[in-house]
Amino acid sequence: MVGLAAALFLGVFGYGNEIFGWSQYTLHEVQLALFLSFILGILCGYKTKG
C-alpha cells in the first residue's frame, strides 16, 4: 500500500501539470500542498501504527 501511495504521489507531483492542466502559478501551490499532505500522511500513519 505504501508503494502504491508513493507511486501515485510521484505521478501527480511530477506529471500533474500535464494531466490536469495546472498553470505555472498554481502548479507550485498544488505541488506544495501535495508534498505536505504526503509527509503528514506518513507521520500520521507512523504514529497510528506504533
C-alpha atoms as a PDB file:
ATOM      1  CA  MET A   1       0.000   0.000   0.000  1.00  0.00           C
ATOM      2  CA  VAL A   2       2.881   2.346   0.735  1.00  0.00           C
ATOM      3  CA  GLY A   3       4.365   1.650  -2.682  1.00  0.00           C
ATOM      4  CA  LEU A   4       1.069   2.461  -4.373  1.00  0.00           C
ATOM      5  CA  ALA A   5       0.744   5.709  -2.430  1.00  0.00           C
ATOM      6  CA  ALA A   6       4.311   6.678  -3.296  1.00  0.00           C
ATOM      7  CA  ALA A   7       3.764   5.902  -6.984  1.00  0.00           C
ATOM      8  CA  LEU A   8       0.557   7.944  -7.104  1.00  0.00           C
ATOM      9  CA  PHE A   9       2.245  10.821  -5.309  1.00  0.00           C
ATOM     10  CA  LEU A  10       5.192  10.867  -7.692  1.00  0.00           C
ATOM     11  CA  GLY A  11       2.906  10.615 -10.696  1.00  0.00           C
ATOM     12  CA  VAL A  12       0.679  13.506  -9.663  1.00  0.00           C
ATOM     13  CA  PHE A  13       3.580  15.552  -8.326  1.00  0.00           C
ATOM     14  CA  GLY A  14       5.677  15.108 -11.447  1.00  0.00           C
ATOM     15  CA  TYR A  15       3.059  14.964 -14.195  1.00  0.00           C
ATOM     16  CA  GLY A  16       0.032  16.683 -12.642  1.00  0.00           C
ATOM     17  CA  ASN A  17       0.591  19.759 -14.768  1.00  0.00           C
ATOM     18  CA  GLU A  18       0.222  17.732 -17.956  1.00  0.00           C
ATOM     19  CA  ILE A  19      -2.666  15.613 -16.668  1.00  0.00           C
ATOM     20  CA  PHE A  20      -4.807  18.291 -15.023  1.00  0.00           C
ATOM     21  CA  GLY A  21      -3.593  21.375 -16.900  1.00  0.00           C
ATOM     22  CA  TRP A  22      -2.459  23.436 -13.924  1.00  0.00           C
ATOM     23  CA  SER A  23      -0.979  26.819 -14.796  1.00  0.00           C
ATOM     24  CA  GLN A  24       2.531  27.748 -13.737  1.00  0.00           C
ATOM     25  CA  TYR A  25       1.160  29.918 -10.924  1.00  0.00           C
ATOM     26  CA  THR A  26      -0.994  27.206  -9.384  1.00  0.00           C
ATOM     27  CA  LEU A  27       1.496  24.417 -10.090  1.00  0.00           C
ATOM     28  CA  HIS A  28       3.814  25.408  -7.243  1.00  0.00           C
ATOM     29  CA  GLU A  29       0.954  25.819  -4.778  1.00  0.00           C
ATOM     30  CA  VAL A  30      -0.529  22.451  -5.675  1.00  0.00           C
ATOM     31  CA  GLN A  31       2.857  20.728  -5.509  1.00  0.00           C
ATOM     32  CA  LEU A  32       3.470  22.227  -2.067  1.00  0.00           C
ATOM     33  CA  ALA A  33       0.056  21.022  -0.855  1.00  0.00           C
ATOM     34  CA  LEU A  34       0.693  17.535  -2.265  1.00  0.00           C
ATOM     35  CA  PHE A  35       4.109  17.351  -0.648  1.00  0.00           C
ATOM     36  CA  LEU A  36       2.847  18.475   2.754  1.00  0.00           C
ATOM     37  CA  SER A  37      -0.131  16.107   2.675  1.00  0.00           C
ATOM     38  CA  PHE A  38       2.141  13.202   1.752  1.00  0.00           C
ATOM     39  CA  ILE A  39       4.571  13.982   4.585  1.00  0.00           C
ATOM     40  CA  LEU A  40       1.755  14.458   7.116  1.00  0.00           C
ATOM     41  CA  GLY A  41       0.160  11.212   5.939  1.00  0.00           C
ATOM     42  CA  ILE A  42       3.423   9.383   6.540  1.00  0.00           C
ATOM     43  CA  LEU A  43       3.707  10.877  10.029  1.00  0.00           C
ATOM     44  CA  CYS A  44       0.115  10.044  10.960  1.00  0.00           C
ATOM     45  CA  GLY A  45       0.452   6.501   9.627  1.00  0.00           C
ATOM     46  CA  TYR A  46       3.647   6.023  11.598  1.00  0.00           C
ATOM     47  CA  LYS A  47       2.053   7.277  14.817  1.00  0.00           C
ATOM     48  CA  THR A  48      -1.075   5.122  14.499  1.00  0.00           C
ATOM     49  CA  LYS A  49       0.907   2.023  13.557  1.00  0.00           C
ATOM     50  CA  GLY A  50       3.290   2.244  16.521  1.00  0.00           C
END
